[in-house]
Amino acid sequence: MLFLKIMENELPNLNKKLAQWAYAGIGGYGDPKIHWAKYMVVFKNETKEIEMEKMDTYIKNILQNTKGQMGTSFQWTYPSKKKGKSIQLKGKIV
């Protein structure tokens, strides 16, 4: 339980960096010039339209309007048959 308390207290401070990594690859492996996304392209099922936003704007919107677990904008779960070995990070597409 102490670990969970630490995560709940510390993860909100890292939420923006976590979102940048999850949605754009920022901070991950590879060459930032070619592997880190600058834009997000989303197909809207309701309107059948494609929208494109700068990644900074998209992430700002996600952080302001999406509530997840442990003070982040993400949901956390385990992949099938992998409990205790790995986690899945689930984020909304808006």
PDB file of N, CA and C in Angstrom:
ATOM      1  N   MET A   1       0.807  -1.201   0.000  1.00  0.00           N
ATOM      2  CA  MET A   1       0.000   0.000   0.000  1.00  0.00           C
ATOM      3  C   MET A   1       0.851   1.266   0.000  1.00  0.00           C
ATOM      4  N   LEU A   2       2.022   1.203   0.598  1.00  0.00           N
ATOM      5  CA  LEU A   2       2.915   2.363   0.594  1.00  0.00           C
ATOM      6  C   LEU A   2       3.302   2.723  -0.839  1.00  0.00           C
ATOM      7  N   PHE A   3       3.577   1.698  -1.651  1.00  0.00           N
ATOM      8  CA  PHE A   3       3.930   1.933  -3.051  1.00  0.00           C
ATOM      9  C   PHE A   3       2.806   2.670  -3.777  1.00  0.00           C
ATOM     10  N   LEU A   4       1.565   2.253  -3.544  1.00  0.00           N
ATOM     11  CA  LEU A   4       0.418   2.889  -4.188  1.00  0.00           C
ATOM     12  C   LEU A   4       0.299   4.348  -3.766  1.00  0.00           C
ATOM     13  N   LYS A   5       0.516   4.640  -2.503  1.00  0.00           N
ATOM     14  CA  LYS A   5       0.477   6.030  -2.018  1.00  0.00           C
ATOM     15  C   LYS A   5       1.555   6.870  -2.692  1.00  0.00           C
ATOM     16  N   ILE A   6       2.748   6.312  -2.805  1.00  0.00           N
ATOM     17  CA  ILE A   6       3.846   7.027  -3.465  1.00  0.00           C
ATOM     18  C   ILE A   6       3.477   7.308  -4.919  1.00  0.00           C
ATOM     19  N   MET A   7       2.933   6.303  -5.604  1.00  0.00           N
ATOM     20  CA  MET A   7       2.535   6.479  -7.007  1.00  0.00           C
ATOM     21  C   MET A   7       1.462   7.556  -7.137  1.00  0.00           C
ATOM     22  N   GLU A   8       0.467   7.532  -6.265  1.00  0.00           N
ATOM     23  CA  GLU A   8      -0.616   8.520  -6.323  1.00  0.00           C
ATOM     24  C   GLU A   8      -0.107   9.934  -6.064  1.00  0.00           C
ATOM     25  N   ASN A   9       0.938  10.063  -5.254  1.00  0.00           N
ATOM     26  CA  ASN A   9       1.506  11.383  -4.952  1.00  0.00           C
ATOM     27  C   ASN A   9       2.469  11.872  -6.026  1.00  0.00           C
ATOM     28  N   GLU A  10       3.223  10.976  -6.633  1.00  0.00           N
ATOM     29  CA  GLU A  10       4.282  11.371  -7.560  1.00  0.00           C
ATOM     30  C   GLU A  10       3.863  11.391  -9.034  1.00  0.00           C
ATOM     31  N   LEU A  11       2.987  10.489  -9.443  1.00  0.00           N
ATOM     32  CA  LEU A  11       2.612  10.421 -10.861  1.00  0.00           C
ATOM     33  C   LEU A  11       1.976  11.697 -11.404  1.00  0.00           C
ATOM     34  N   PRO A  12       1.133  12.395 -10.638  1.00  0.00           N
ATOM     35  CA  PRO A  12       0.578  13.637 -11.193  1.00  0.00           C
ATOM     36  C   PRO A  12       1.655  14.632 -11.629  1.00  0.00           C
ATOM     37  N   ASN A  13       2.794  14.637 -10.962  1.00  0.00           N
ATOM     38  CA  ASN A  13       3.900  15.524 -11.334  1.00  0.00           C
ATOM     39  C   ASN A  13       4.526  15.133 -12.672  1.00  0.00           C
ATOM     40  N   LEU A  14       4.328  13.902 -13.070  1.00  0.00           N
ATOM     41  CA  LEU A  14       4.920  13.390 -14.310  1.00  0.00           C
ATOM     42  C   LEU A  14       3.882  13.191 -15.412  1.00  0.00           C
ATOM     43  N   ASN A  15       2.649  13.609 -15.172  1.00  0.00           N
ATOM     44  CA  ASN A  15       1.556  13.343 -16.107  1.00  0.00           C
ATOM     45  C   ASN A  15       1.823  13.899 -17.499  1.00  0.00           C
ATOM     46  N   LYS A  16       2.339  15.112 -17.598  1.00  0.00           N
ATOM     47  CA  LYS A  16       2.600  15.696 -18.915  1.00  0.00           C
ATOM     48  C   LYS A  16       3.673  14.898 -19.658  1.00  0.00           C
ATOM     49  N   LYS A  17       4.747  14.541 -18.972  1.00  0.00           N
ATOM     50  CA  LYS A  17       5.809  13.756 -19.621  1.00  0.00           C
ATOM     51  C   LYS A  17       5.298  12.374 -20.026  1.00  0.00           C
ATOM     52  N   LEU A  18       4.467  11.781 -19.187  1.00  0.00           N
ATOM     53  CA  LEU A  18       3.892  10.477 -19.506  1.00  0.00           C
ATOM     54  C   LEU A  18       3.006  10.575 -20.750  1.00  0.00           C
ATOM     55  N   ALA A  19       2.191  11.616 -20.832  1.00  0.00           N
ATOM     56  CA  ALA A  19       1.325  11.819 -22.000  1.00  0.00           C
ATOM     57  C   ALA A  19       2.156  12.084 -23.257  1.00  0.00           C
ATOM     58  N   GLN A  20       3.210  12.869 -23.137  1.00  0.00           N
ATOM     59  CA  GLN A  20       4.073  13.138 -24.294  1.00  0.00           C
ATOM     60  C   GLN A  20       4.704  11.846 -24.807  1.00  0.00           C
ATOM     61  N   TRP A  21       5.135  11.000 -23.901  1.00  0.00           N
ATOM     62  CA  TRP A  21       5.740   9.728 -24.291  1.00  0.00           C
ATOM     63  C   TRP A  21       4.697   8.797 -24.917  1.00  0.00           C
ATOM     64  N   ALA A  22       3.532   8.677 -24.274  1.00  0.00           N
ATOM     65  CA  ALA A  22       2.512   7.735 -24.741  1.00  0.00           C
ATOM     66  C   ALA A  22       1.907   8.142 -26.081  1.00  0.00           C
ATOM     67  N   TYR A  23       1.633   9.421 -26.263  1.00  0.00           N
ATOM     68  CA  TYR A  23       0.964   9.873 -27.485  1.00  0.00           C
ATOM     69  C   TYR A  23       1.930  10.247 -28.605  1.00  0.00           C
ATOM     70  N   ALA A  24       3.127  10.720 -28.264  1.00  0.00           N
ATOM     71  CA  ALA A  24       4.025  11.251 -29.296  1.00  0.00           C
ATOM     72  C   ALA A  24       5.391  10.581 -29.344  1.00  0.00           C
ATOM     73  N   GLY A  25       5.678   9.707 -28.394  1.00  0.00           N
ATOM     74  CA  GLY A  25       6.986   9.064 -28.373  1.00  0.00           C
ATOM     75  C   GLY A  25       8.083   9.947 -27.810  1.00  0.00           C
ATOM     76  N   ILE A  26       7.728  11.133 -27.325  1.00  0.00           N
ATOM     77  CA  ILE A  26       8.718  12.089 -26.830  1.00  0.00           C
ATOM     78  C   ILE A  26       9.404  11.526 -25.588  1.00  0.00           C
ATOM     79  N   GLY A  27      10.717  11.514 -25.627  1.00  0.00           N
ATOM     80  CA  GLY A  27      11.493  10.960 -24.524  1.00  0.00           C
ATOM     81  C   GLY A  27      11.808   9.490 -24.703  1.00  0.00           C
ATOM     82  N   GLY A  28      11.267   8.890 -25.752  1.00  0.00           N
ATOM     83  CA  GLY A  28      11.515   7.477 -26.012  1.00  0.00           C
ATOM     84  C   GLY A  28      12.742   7.282 -26.884  1.00  0.00           C
ATOM     85  N   TYR A  29      12.880   6.068 -27.364  1.00  0.00           N
ATOM     86  CA  TYR A  29      14.014   5.741 -28.217  1.00  0.00           C
ATOM     87  C   TYR A  29      13.874   6.386 -29.585  1.00  0.00           C
ATOM     88  N   GLY A  30      14.970   6.480 -30.272  1.00  0.00           N
ATOM     89  CA  GLY A  30      14.940   6.958 -31.644  1.00  0.00           C
ATOM     90  C   GLY A  30      15.359   8.403 -31.783  1.00  0.00           C
ATOM     91  N   ASP A  31      15.437   8.816 -33.015  1.00  0.00           N
ATOM     92  CA  ASP A  31      15.836  10.168 -33.375  1.00  0.00           C
ATOM     93  C   ASP A  31      14.635  11.098 -33.233  1.00  0.00           C
ATOM     94  N   PRO A  32      14.713  12.098 -32.360  1.00  0.00           N
ATOM     95  CA  PRO A  32      13.582  13.008 -32.161  1.00  0.00           C
ATOM     96  C   PRO A  32      13.094  13.670 -33.450  1.00  0.00           C
ATOM     97  N   LYS A  33      13.980  13.888 -34.392  1.00  0.00           N
ATOM     98  CA  LYS A  33      13.593  14.559 -35.638  1.00  0.00           C
ATOM     99  C   LYS A  33      12.646  13.721 -36.488  1.00  0.00           C
ATOM    100  N   ILE A  34      12.757  12.403 -36.403  1.00  0.00           N
ATOM    101  CA  ILE A  34      11.925  11.557 -37.264  1.00  0.00           C
ATOM    102  C   ILE A  34      11.005  10.599 -36.503  1.00  0.00           C
ATOM    103  N   HIS A  35      11.244  10.371 -35.222  1.00  0.00           N
ATOM    104  CA  HIS A  35      10.446   9.400 -34.478  1.00  0.00           C
ATOM    105  C   HIS A  35       9.462  10.020 -33.488  1.00  0.00           C
ATOM    106  N   TRP A  36       9.617  11.277 -33.156  1.00  0.00           N
ATOM    107  CA  TRP A  36       8.715  11.918 -32.201  1.00  0.00           C
ATOM    108  C   TRP A  36       7.649  12.682 -32.974  1.00  0.00           C
ATOM    109  N   ALA A  37       6.388  12.408 -32.687  1.00  0.00           N
ATOM    110  CA  ALA A  37       5.273  13.018 -33.428  1.00  0.00           C
ATOM    111  C   ALA A  37       5.116  14.498 -33.095  1.00  0.00           C
ATOM    112  N   LYS A  38       4.828  15.264 -34.114  1.00  0.00           N
ATOM    113  CA  LYS A  38       4.558  16.696 -33.944  1.00  0.00           C
ATOM    114  C   LYS A  38       3.067  16.987 -34.056  1.00  0.00           C
ATOM    115  N   TYR A  39       2.321  16.055 -34.656  1.00  0.00           N
ATOM    116  CA  TYR A  39       0.887  16.231 -34.875  1.00  0.00           C
ATOM    117  C   TYR A  39       0.143  14.952 -34.506  1.00  0.00           C
ATOM    118  N   MET A  40      -1.138  15.113 -34.180  1.00  0.00           N
ATOM    119  CA  MET A  40      -2.030  13.977 -33.936  1.00  0.00           C
ATOM    120  C   MET A  40      -3.132  14.048 -34.985  1.00  0.00           C
ATOM    121  N   VAL A  41      -3.348  12.942 -35.681  1.00  0.00           N
ATOM    122  CA  VAL A  41      -4.410  12.846 -36.676  1.00  0.00           C
ATOM    123  C   VAL A  41      -5.439  11.853 -36.134  1.00  0.00           C
ATOM    124  N   VAL A  42      -6.710  12.297 -36.070  1.00  0.00           N
ATOM    125  CA  VAL A  42      -7.774  11.477 -35.490  1.00  0.00           C
ATOM    126  C   VAL A  42      -8.964  11.431 -36.443  1.00  0.00           C
ATOM    127  N   PHE A  43      -9.487  10.226 -36.670  1.00  0.00           N
ATOM    128  CA  PHE A  43     -10.732  10.056 -37.426  1.00  0.00           C
ATOM    129  C   PHE A  43     -11.883  10.087 -36.437  1.00  0.00           C
ATOM    130  N   LYS A  44     -12.830  10.986 -36.653  1.00  0.00           N
ATOM    131  CA  LYS A  44     -13.994  11.135 -35.774  1.00  0.00           C
ATOM    132  C   LYS A  44     -15.137  10.269 -36.306  1.00  0.00           C
ATOM    133  N   ASN A  45     -15.484   9.215 -35.571  1.00  0.00           N
ATOM    134  CA  ASN A  45     -16.551   8.309 -35.995  1.00  0.00           C
ATOM    135  C   ASN A  45     -17.886   9.022 -36.154  1.00  0.00           C
ATOM    136  N   GLU A  46     -18.178   9.971 -35.249  1.00  0.00           N
ATOM    137  CA  GLU A  46     -19.477  10.648 -35.268  1.00  0.00           C
ATOM    138  C   GLU A  46     -19.678  11.467 -36.541  1.00  0.00           C
ATOM    139  N   THR A  47     -18.640  12.168 -36.952  1.00  0.00           N
ATOM    140  CA  THR A  47     -18.759  13.086 -38.089  1.00  0.00           C
ATOM    141  C   THR A  47     -18.137  12.543 -39.376  1.00  0.00           C
ATOM    142  N   LYS A  48     -17.400  11.448 -39.256  1.00  0.00           N
ATOM    143  CA  LYS A  48     -16.680  10.852 -40.396  1.00  0.00           C
ATOM    144  C   LYS A  48     -15.634  11.808 -40.963  1.00  0.00           C
ATOM    145  N   GLU A  49     -15.109  12.663 -40.111  1.00  0.00           N
ATOM    146  CA  GLU A  49     -14.091  13.626 -40.529  1.00  0.00           C
ATOM    147  C   GLU A  49     -12.752  13.283 -39.895  1.00  0.00           C
ATOM    148  N   ILE A  50     -11.706  13.762 -40.534  1.00  0.00           N
ATOM    149  CA  ILE A  50     -10.355  13.616 -40.007  1.00  0.00           C
ATOM    150  C   ILE A  50      -9.926  14.968 -39.460  1.00  0.00           C
ATOM    151  N   GLU A  51      -9.384  14.951 -38.241  1.00  0.00           N
ATOM    152  CA  GLU A  51      -8.895  16.180 -37.624  1.00  0.00           C
ATOM    153  C   GLU A  51      -7.405  16.039 -37.341  1.00  0.00           C
ATOM    154  N   MET A  52      -6.693  17.148 -37.451  1.00  0.00           N
ATOM    155  CA  MET A  52      -5.269  17.158 -37.153  1.00  0.00           C
ATOM    156  C   MET A  52      -4.981  18.332 -36.224  1.00  0.00           C
ATOM    157  N   GLU A  53      -4.212  18.050 -35.157  1.00  0.00           N
ATOM    158  CA  GLU A  53      -3.831  19.090 -34.201  1.00  0.00           C
ATOM    159  C   GLU A  53      -2.347  18.985 -33.908  1.00  0.00           C
ATOM    160  N   LYS A  54      -1.752  20.106 -33.545  1.00  0.00           N
ATOM    161  CA  LYS A  54      -0.377  20.055 -33.055  1.00  0.00           C
ATOM    162  C   LYS A  54      -0.373  19.224 -31.780  1.00  0.00           C
ATOM    163  N   MET A  55       0.673  18.448 -31.581  1.00  0.00           N
ATOM    164  CA  MET A  55       0.736  17.536 -30.450  1.00  0.00           C
ATOM    165  C   MET A  55       0.644  18.271 -29.114  1.00  0.00           C
ATOM    166  N   ASP A  56       1.284  19.424 -28.991  1.00  0.00           N
ATOM    167  CA  ASP A  56       1.211  20.180 -27.737  1.00  0.00           C
ATOM    168  C   ASP A  56      -0.230  20.539 -27.388  1.00  0.00           C
ATOM    169  N   THR A  57      -0.993  20.972 -28.378  1.00  0.00           N
ATOM    170  CA  THR A  57      -2.395  21.335 -28.168  1.00  0.00           C
ATOM    171  C   THR A  57      -3.214  20.107 -27.800  1.00  0.00           C
ATOM    172  N   TYR A  58      -2.971  19.011 -28.494  1.00  0.00           N
ATOM    173  CA  TYR A  58      -3.695  17.768 -28.242  1.00  0.00           C
ATOM    174  C   TYR A  58      -3.446  17.276 -26.817  1.00  0.00           C
ATOM    175  N   ILE A  59      -2.195  17.258 -26.396  1.00  0.00           N
ATOM    176  CA  ILE A  59      -1.854  16.782 -25.057  1.00  0.00           C
ATOM    177  C   ILE A  59      -2.424  17.715 -23.991  1.00  0.00           C
ATOM    178  N   LYS A  60      -2.370  19.006 -24.227  1.00  0.00           N
ATOM    179  CA  LYS A  60      -2.952  19.959 -23.277  1.00  0.00           C
ATOM    180  C   LYS A  60      -4.444  19.671 -23.094  1.00  0.00           C
ATOM    181  N   ASN A  61      -5.149  19.405 -24.183  1.00  0.00           N
ATOM    182  CA  ASN A  61      -6.568  19.070 -24.133  1.00  0.00           C
ATOM    183  C   ASN A  61      -6.808  17.780 -23.345  1.00  0.00           C
ATOM    184  N   ILE A  62      -6.010  16.770 -23.613  1.00  0.00           N
ATOM    185  CA  ILE A  62      -6.128  15.491 -22.894  1.00  0.00           C
ATOM    186  C   ILE A  62      -5.925  15.714 -21.394  1.00  0.00           C
ATOM    187  N   LEU A  63      -4.881  16.432 -21.024  1.00  0.00           N
ATOM    188  CA  LEU A  63      -4.565  16.641 -19.613  1.00  0.00           C
ATOM    189  C   LEU A  63      -5.646  17.438 -18.892  1.00  0.00           C
ATOM    190  N   GLN A  64      -6.274  18.365 -19.578  1.00  0.00           N
ATOM    191  CA  GLN A  64      -7.304  19.195 -18.955  1.00  0.00           C
ATOM    192  C   GLN A  64      -8.664  18.506 -18.880  1.00  0.00           C
ATOM    193  N   ASN A  65      -8.942  17.591 -19.790  1.00  0.00           N
ATOM    194  CA  ASN A  65     -10.306  17.063 -19.913  1.00  0.00           C
ATOM    195  C   ASN A  65     -10.464  15.570 -19.681  1.00  0.00           C
ATOM    196  N   THR A  66      -9.405  14.872 -19.332  1.00  0.00           N
ATOM    197  CA  THR A  66      -9.486  13.429 -19.141  1.00  0.00           C
ATOM    198  C   THR A  66      -8.979  13.063 -17.757  1.00  0.00           C
ATOM    199  N   LYS A  67      -9.808  12.363 -17.018  1.00  0.00           N
ATOM    200  CA  LYS A  67      -9.420  11.898 -15.684  1.00  0.00           C
ATOM    201  C   LYS A  67      -9.174  10.400 -15.741  1.00  0.00           C
ATOM    202  N   GLY A  68      -8.036   9.991 -15.222  1.00  0.00           N
ATOM    203  CA  GLY A  68      -7.694   8.581 -15.195  1.00  0.00           C
ATOM    204  C   GLY A  68      -7.426   8.120 -13.778  1.00  0.00           C
ATOM    205  N   GLN A  69      -6.490   7.234 -13.643  1.00  0.00           N
ATOM    206  CA  GLN A  69      -6.139   6.678 -12.339  1.00  0.00           C
ATOM    207  C   GLN A  69      -4.831   7.281 -11.830  1.00  0.00           C
ATOM    208  N   MET A  70      -4.657   7.244 -10.537  1.00  0.00           N
ATOM    209  CA  MET A  70      -3.429   7.680  -9.855  1.00  0.00           C
ATOM    210  C   MET A  70      -3.016   9.093 -10.241  1.00  0.00           C
ATOM    211  N   GLY A  71      -3.987   9.974 -10.427  1.00  0.00           N
ATOM    212  CA  GLY A  71      -3.683  11.366 -10.726  1.00  0.00           C
ATOM    213  C   GLY A  71      -3.186  11.625 -12.138  1.00  0.00           C
ATOM    214  N   THR A  72      -3.396  10.670 -13.032  1.00  0.00           N
ATOM    215  CA  THR A  72      -2.970  10.838 -14.425  1.00  0.00           C
ATOM    216  C   THR A  72      -4.196  10.872 -15.336  1.00  0.00           C
ATOM    217  N   SER A  73      -3.969  11.018 -16.607  1.00  0.00           N
ATOM    218  CA  SER A  73      -5.055  10.976 -17.586  1.00  0.00           C
ATOM    219  C   SER A  73      -5.196   9.584 -18.202  1.00  0.00           C
ATOM    220  N   PHE A  74      -4.574   8.594 -17.605  1.00  0.00           N
ATOM    221  CA  PHE A  74      -4.566   7.231 -18.136  1.00  0.00           C
ATOM    222  C   PHE A  74      -5.235   6.236 -17.199  1.00  0.00           C
ATOM    223  N   GLN A  75      -5.679   5.123 -17.774  1.00  0.00           N
ATOM    224  CA  GLN A  75      -6.150   3.964 -17.025  1.00  0.00           C
ATOM    225  C   GLN A  75      -5.038   2.920 -17.091  1.00  0.00           C
ATOM    226  N   TRP A  76      -4.910   2.137 -16.041  1.00  0.00           N
ATOM    227  CA  TRP A  76      -3.876   1.115 -15.951  1.00  0.00           C
ATOM    228  C   TRP A  76      -4.541  -0.240 -15.804  1.00  0.00           C
ATOM    229  N   THR A  77      -4.023  -1.238 -16.492  1.00  0.00           N
ATOM    230  CA  THR A  77      -4.552  -2.585 -16.373  1.00  0.00           C
ATOM    231  C   THR A  77      -3.424  -3.579 -16.660  1.00  0.00           C
ATOM    232  N   TYR A  78      -3.737  -4.845 -16.537  1.00  0.00           N
ATOM    233  CA  TYR A  78      -2.778  -5.900 -16.861  1.00  0.00           C
ATOM    234  C   TYR A  78      -3.186  -6.559 -18.166  1.00  0.00           C
ATOM    235  N   PRO A  79      -2.216  -6.916 -19.028  1.00  0.00           N
ATOM    236  CA  PRO A  79      -2.561  -7.702 -20.214  1.00  0.00           C
ATOM    237  C   PRO A  79      -3.000  -9.108 -19.789  1.00  0.00           C
ATOM    238  N   SER A  80      -3.725  -9.781 -20.639  1.00  0.00           N
ATOM    239  CA  SER A  80      -4.181 -11.141 -20.345  1.00  0.00           C
ATOM    240  C   SER A  80      -3.012 -12.028 -19.941  1.00  0.00           C
ATOM    241  N   LYS A  81      -3.180 -12.743 -18.857  1.00  0.00           N
ATOM    242  CA  LYS A  81      -2.209 -13.727 -18.350  1.00  0.00           C
ATOM    243  C   LYS A  81      -0.852 -13.124 -18.002  1.00  0.00           C
ATOM    244  N   LYS A  82      -0.779 -11.819 -17.780  1.00  0.00           N
ATOM    245  CA  LYS A  82       0.506 -11.176 -17.476  1.00  0.00           C
ATOM    246  C   LYS A  82       0.474 -10.436 -16.140  1.00  0.00           C
ATOM    247  N   LYS A  83      -0.560 -10.656 -15.323  1.00  0.00           N
ATOM    248  CA  LYS A  83      -0.678  -9.927 -14.066  1.00  0.00           C
ATOM    249  C   LYS A  83       0.580 -10.126 -13.227  1.00  0.00           C
ATOM    250  N   GLY A  84       1.122  -9.022 -12.776  1.00  0.00           N
ATOM    251  CA  GLY A  84       2.338  -9.060 -11.982  1.00  0.00           C
ATOM    252  C   GLY A  84       3.607  -9.009 -12.814  1.00  0.00           C
ATOM    253  N   LYS A  85       3.496  -9.142 -14.132  1.00  0.00           N
ATOM    254  CA  LYS A  85       4.667  -9.134 -15.007  1.00  0.00           C
ATOM    255  C   LYS A  85       4.769  -7.853 -15.824  1.00  0.00           C
ATOM    256  N   SER A  86       3.625  -7.304 -16.208  1.00  0.00           N
ATOM    257  CA  SER A  86       3.619  -6.068 -16.990  1.00  0.00           C
ATOM    258  C   SER A  86       2.270  -5.374 -16.826  1.00  0.00           C
ATOM    259  N   ILE A  87       2.214  -4.128 -17.268  1.00  0.00           N
ATOM    260  CA  ILE A  87       0.969  -3.373 -17.215  1.00  0.00           C
ATOM    261  C   ILE A  87       0.656  -2.824 -18.600  1.00  0.00           C
ATOM    262  N   GLN A  88      -0.593  -2.430 -18.791  1.00  0.00           N
ATOM    263  CA  GLN A  88      -1.001  -1.721 -20.002  1.00  0.00           C
ATOM    264  C   GLN A  88      -1.438  -0.330 -19.590  1.00  0.00           C
ATOM    265  N   LEU A  89      -1.046   0.616 -20.352  1.00  0.00           N
ATOM    266  CA  LEU A  89      -1.431   2.008 -20.161  1.00  0.00           C
ATOM    267  C   LEU A  89      -2.495   2.304 -21.210  1.00  0.00           C
ATOM    268  N   LYS A  90      -3.670   2.766 -20.776  1.00  0.00           N
ATOM    269  CA  LYS A  90      -4.752   3.047 -21.721  1.00  0.00           C
ATOM    270  C   LYS A  90      -5.089   4.525 -21.672  1.00  0.00           C
ATOM    271  N   GLY A  91      -5.050   5.164 -22.831  1.00  0.00           N
ATOM    272  CA  GLY A  91      -5.351   6.585 -22.923  1.00  0.00           C
ATOM    273  C   GLY A  91      -6.480   6.841 -23.898  1.00  0.00           C
ATOM    274  N   LYS A  92      -7.195   7.925 -23.670  1.00  0.00           N
ATOM    275  CA  LYS A  92      -8.298   8.304 -24.556  1.00  0.00           C
ATOM    276  C   LYS A  92      -7.777   8.949 -25.832  1.00  0.00           C
ATOM    277  N   ILE A  93      -8.530   8.767 -26.889  1.00  0.00           N
ATOM    278  CA  ILE A  93      -8.304   9.491 -28.134  1.00  0.00           C
ATOM    279  C   ILE A  93      -9.491  10.438 -28.265  1.00  0.00           C
ATOM    280  N   VAL A  94      -9.205  11.736 -28.336  1.00  0.00           N
ATOM    281  CA  VAL A  94     -10.297  12.727 -28.398  1.00  0.00           C
ATOM    282  C   VAL A  94     -10.271  13.482 -29.709  1.00  0.00           C
TER     283      VAL A  94
END
